[in-house]
Amino acid sequence: MKEMEREEKREQLRQDALAAWAGYQTTGLHVTAKEADAWLAKLEAGKRAAIPKCHA
């Protein structure tokens, strides 16, 4: 049963990644790794942080 759940999660992640890539190719909007890392660091520190704005 765990193997099936793992495969379902893996497939969902793959589908999400493909959708994100298609969105990027269509709009060019993105967040840099540096921006994402800074945002995640704030969240890890227990701080409230706004999601970084996407830009071209």
N, C-alpha and C. Protein backbone atom coordinates (compact mmCIF):
# COMPACT_ATOMS: atom_id res chain seq x y z
N MET A 1 0.82 -1.19 0.00
CA MET A 1 0.00 0.00 0.00
C MET A 1 0.87 1.26 0.00
N LYS A 2 1.93 1.26 0.78
CA LYS A 2 2.80 2.44 0.83
C LYS A 2 3.44 2.72 -0.52
N GLU A 3 3.77 1.65 -1.23
CA GLU A 3 4.38 1.82 -2.56
C GLU A 3 3.42 2.53 -3.50
N MET A 4 2.15 2.18 -3.44
CA MET A 4 1.14 2.81 -4.29
C MET A 4 1.00 4.29 -3.93
N GLU A 5 0.96 4.62 -2.64
CA GLU A 5 0.86 6.01 -2.22
C GLU A 5 2.08 6.81 -2.67
N ARG A 6 3.25 6.20 -2.55
CA ARG A 6 4.48 6.86 -2.98
C ARG A 6 4.45 7.15 -4.47
N GLU A 7 3.99 6.18 -5.25
CA GLU A 7 3.91 6.38 -6.71
C GLU A 7 2.89 7.45 -7.06
N GLU A 8 1.77 7.48 -6.34
CA GLU A 8 0.76 8.50 -6.60
C GLU A 8 1.31 9.89 -6.28
N LYS A 9 2.03 10.01 -5.18
CA LYS A 9 2.63 11.30 -4.82
C LYS A 9 3.69 11.70 -5.85
N ARG A 10 4.48 10.74 -6.29
CA ARG A 10 5.50 11.02 -7.30
C ARG A 10 4.86 11.50 -8.60
N GLU A 11 3.78 10.86 -9.00
CA GLU A 11 3.09 11.26 -10.23
C GLU A 11 2.47 12.65 -10.07
N GLN A 12 1.92 12.95 -8.90
CA GLN A 12 1.35 14.28 -8.67
C GLN A 12 2.43 15.35 -8.74
N LEU A 13 3.59 15.06 -8.15
CA LEU A 13 4.71 15.99 -8.21
C LEU A 13 5.14 16.22 -9.66
N ARG A 14 5.20 15.15 -10.43
CA ARG A 14 5.57 15.25 -11.84
C ARG A 14 4.57 16.12 -12.60
N GLN A 15 3.28 15.90 -12.37
CA GLN A 15 2.24 16.68 -13.03
C GLN A 15 2.32 18.15 -12.63
N ASP A 16 2.56 18.41 -11.35
CA ASP A 16 2.70 19.79 -10.88
C ASP A 16 3.90 20.47 -11.53
N ALA A 17 5.00 19.74 -11.64
CA ALA A 17 6.20 20.30 -12.26
C ALA A 17 5.96 20.61 -13.74
N LEU A 18 5.28 19.71 -14.43
CA LEU A 18 4.98 19.95 -15.84
C LEU A 18 4.05 21.16 -16.01
N ALA A 19 3.08 21.30 -15.13
CA ALA A 19 2.17 22.45 -15.20
C ALA A 19 2.94 23.74 -14.93
N ALA A 20 3.85 23.72 -13.96
CA ALA A 20 4.64 24.91 -13.66
C ALA A 20 5.54 25.27 -14.84
N TRP A 21 6.14 24.29 -15.46
CA TRP A 21 7.00 24.53 -16.62
C TRP A 21 6.18 25.11 -17.78
N ALA A 22 5.00 24.58 -18.01
CA ALA A 22 4.14 25.10 -19.08
C ALA A 22 3.76 26.54 -18.79
N GLY A 23 3.45 26.83 -17.54
CA GLY A 23 3.12 28.21 -17.17
C GLY A 23 4.28 29.15 -17.40
N TYR A 24 5.47 28.71 -17.04
CA TYR A 24 6.67 29.54 -17.25
C TYR A 24 6.89 29.77 -18.74
N GLN A 25 6.76 28.72 -19.53
CA GLN A 25 6.98 28.87 -20.97
C GLN A 25 5.96 29.82 -21.60
N THR A 26 4.75 29.84 -21.08
CA THR A 26 3.71 30.69 -21.62
C THR A 26 3.89 32.15 -21.21
N THR A 27 4.21 32.37 -19.93
CA THR A 27 4.24 33.74 -19.40
C THR A 27 5.62 34.32 -19.18
N GLY A 28 6.59 33.45 -18.93
CA GLY A 28 7.94 33.92 -18.60
C GLY A 28 8.06 34.37 -17.14
N LEU A 29 6.97 34.31 -16.39
CA LEU A 29 7.00 34.73 -14.99
C LEU A 29 7.71 33.67 -14.14
N HIS A 30 8.52 34.16 -13.20
CA HIS A 30 9.27 33.24 -12.37
C HIS A 30 9.69 33.94 -11.07
N VAL A 31 10.22 33.16 -10.16
CA VAL A 31 10.87 33.64 -8.94
C VAL A 31 12.25 33.01 -8.96
N THR A 32 13.28 33.79 -8.65
CA THR A 32 14.63 33.25 -8.67
C THR A 32 14.85 32.32 -7.46
N ALA A 33 15.84 31.48 -7.56
CA ALA A 33 16.18 30.59 -6.45
C ALA A 33 16.55 31.41 -5.22
N LYS A 34 17.25 32.52 -5.43
CA LYS A 34 17.65 33.38 -4.31
C LYS A 34 16.42 33.94 -3.60
N GLU A 35 15.43 34.39 -4.38
CA GLU A 35 14.20 34.92 -3.80
C GLU A 35 13.44 33.83 -3.04
N ALA A 36 13.34 32.66 -3.63
CA ALA A 36 12.65 31.55 -2.99
C ALA A 36 13.36 31.13 -1.71
N ASP A 37 14.69 31.05 -1.75
CA ASP A 37 15.46 30.66 -0.56
C ASP A 37 15.27 31.66 0.58
N ALA A 38 15.27 32.95 0.25
CA ALA A 38 15.08 33.98 1.28
C ALA A 38 13.70 33.85 1.91
N TRP A 39 12.69 33.60 1.09
CA TRP A 39 11.32 33.44 1.58
C TRP A 39 11.22 32.21 2.48
N LEU A 40 11.78 31.10 2.02
CA LEU A 40 11.73 29.86 2.81
C LEU A 40 12.50 30.00 4.12
N ALA A 41 13.61 30.73 4.12
CA ALA A 41 14.38 30.94 5.34
C ALA A 41 13.55 31.69 6.38
N LYS A 42 12.79 32.68 5.93
CA LYS A 42 11.92 33.41 6.85
C LYS A 42 10.86 32.48 7.45
N LEU A 43 10.27 31.65 6.60
CA LEU A 43 9.26 30.72 7.09
C LEU A 43 9.86 29.73 8.09
N GLU A 44 11.05 29.22 7.79
CA GLU A 44 11.72 28.29 8.70
C GLU A 44 12.01 28.94 10.04
N ALA A 45 12.28 30.23 10.03
CA ALA A 45 12.58 30.96 11.26
C ALA A 45 11.31 31.30 12.04
N GLY A 46 10.15 30.89 11.51
CA GLY A 46 8.89 31.14 12.19
C GLY A 46 8.30 32.50 11.93
N LYS A 47 8.86 33.19 10.95
CA LYS A 47 8.37 34.53 10.61
C LYS A 47 7.28 34.43 9.54
N ARG A 48 6.38 35.39 9.56
CA ARG A 48 5.40 35.48 8.49
C ARG A 48 6.08 36.18 7.32
N ALA A 49 5.86 35.67 6.14
CA ALA A 49 6.51 36.27 4.98
C ALA A 49 5.58 36.17 3.77
N ALA A 50 5.48 37.25 3.05
CA ALA A 50 4.67 37.25 1.83
C ALA A 50 5.36 36.41 0.76
N ILE A 51 4.55 35.75 -0.04
CA ILE A 51 5.09 34.97 -1.15
C ILE A 51 5.77 35.93 -2.11
N PRO A 52 6.97 35.60 -2.59
CA PRO A 52 7.65 36.50 -3.54
C PRO A 52 6.81 36.70 -4.80
N LYS A 53 6.87 37.90 -5.32
CA LYS A 53 6.13 38.22 -6.55
C LYS A 53 6.87 37.66 -7.76
N CYS A 54 6.11 37.08 -8.66
CA CYS A 54 6.68 36.58 -9.90
C CYS A 54 7.00 37.76 -10.82
N HIS A 55 8.04 37.61 -11.62
CA HIS A 55 8.44 38.65 -12.55
C HIS A 55 9.03 38.01 -13.79
N ALA A 56 9.12 38.79 -14.85
CA ALA A 56 9.65 38.28 -16.12
C ALA A 56 11.14 38.53 -16.20
